[in-house]
Amino acid sequence: MSAPLKILWEITYLTQATNWRTFGFMKEPLTLQQAIVYFSDSDRAFQFALNLRFPGGKVICPRCGSERHSFMKSRRIWECYGCKRQFSIKVGTIMEDSALGLDKWMMTAWMIAASKNGVSSYEISRSIGVTQKSAWFMLHRLREAMKDDGSFKLGGSGGGPVEMDETFVGGKVKNMHKSKIKKQFHGKGTQGGHGKAVVMGMLERGGRVRANVIERRLKEHVYPVVDANVQAGSHVITDEATVYMHLNKTYYHEVINHVEGYVREHVHTNGIENFWSLLKRGLGGTYISVEPFHLQAYVAEQVFRFNNRATKDNPLNDADRFAVIMSQLGGKRLTYTDLTGKTGQPPQQA
């Protein structure tokens, strides 16, 4: 560790030692400042990533699954005896083929986990010293790791009521040029969701939220999403939209008519509306302009932070959310071609 970092480490430890938890032979960081100091040491960053990637210290080759290998400490890579190839801690993760160090990846993961309304690629670029295009690519790869695996359904016996709603994402008409309004709305009027992307959301009270971009707010697009995410027979609550009319055939369905009021005893959709508020603050205030092609990734990011928020029963903090992201890096891959739909080389630094 360099002299300035050593001094900063000593000052931080002496003034904020009560806010740290034990991790190995050092203290695990709880704040961004502590994380910068902690992960600036490449050995600690490597050991932290290793413990999350291979719990228990059992390293497995990501290519062939062999447990027989040798470790080259000087280069921090393994030589696999099974496939006769070398692999690093990044291989088989969203960081594969990245030239950036673990310290930059960890700082970016910490910032996206801790920022309630998201963090822009320009801010990441300035903070860790990479180009804006590299930061944008990094953030999208981290969003890939943040996606909900959908391994279980909402509701069911013992689960809370599931609120369902949809929202429209798109530019405000008052900010559009007349030519764009004519092209986007095709003379159908500017009210409702004409020309905008549709996001379908389901929130289990006291539990998790799921959200998916759907093609249109029609039965053939809405019902498959509901069936894939909500247990049959669950208690569901929606507004008066006609698309939900036949949910009572599969679910116990209650409706709140917003013309009459927004709450009727336990019947309301205020929880999912709260999630829409968080989502749109991030899209409108931080990311400004999001292409429909990438919208699902930004939705997944906000879903992750909402599902890992601090609650009375589960008091998670920034360090916990960061650890969850780092533990989900393995087994996922997002190439530059898949992200952009274009051939060519990705940003050099990323």
Foldseek 3Di string as FASTA:
>chain_A
DDPVLVVVQVVCCVVPVVVWDDDPPDTDDFDLSVLLSQVVPVVSLQVLLQCLQPPPNQDAPLPPRDSDWDADVVVQWIQHPPVRDIDHSCPQFQCPPFQDGSSLLLSLLLQLLADLLGAALVVSCVPRPDDSLVSVSSLLSLLQLLFDPLPDAAFDPPWAAKEKDKDWDDDDPVPDDPVVCCVQQVPVDDPDRGNTWMKIKIDTVVAAIDIDTWDDLALVTPVVVNPSHHDWAGHYAYEPDCRCVPVVVGYNYDYDYVVVHADDPPHHNVVVVVLVVSLCCNCCPHVNDDDPVCVRSSSSSNRSSVRQDADPVHGDHSSNSSSSSSSRRGNDYDDPCNVPVDDDDRPPND
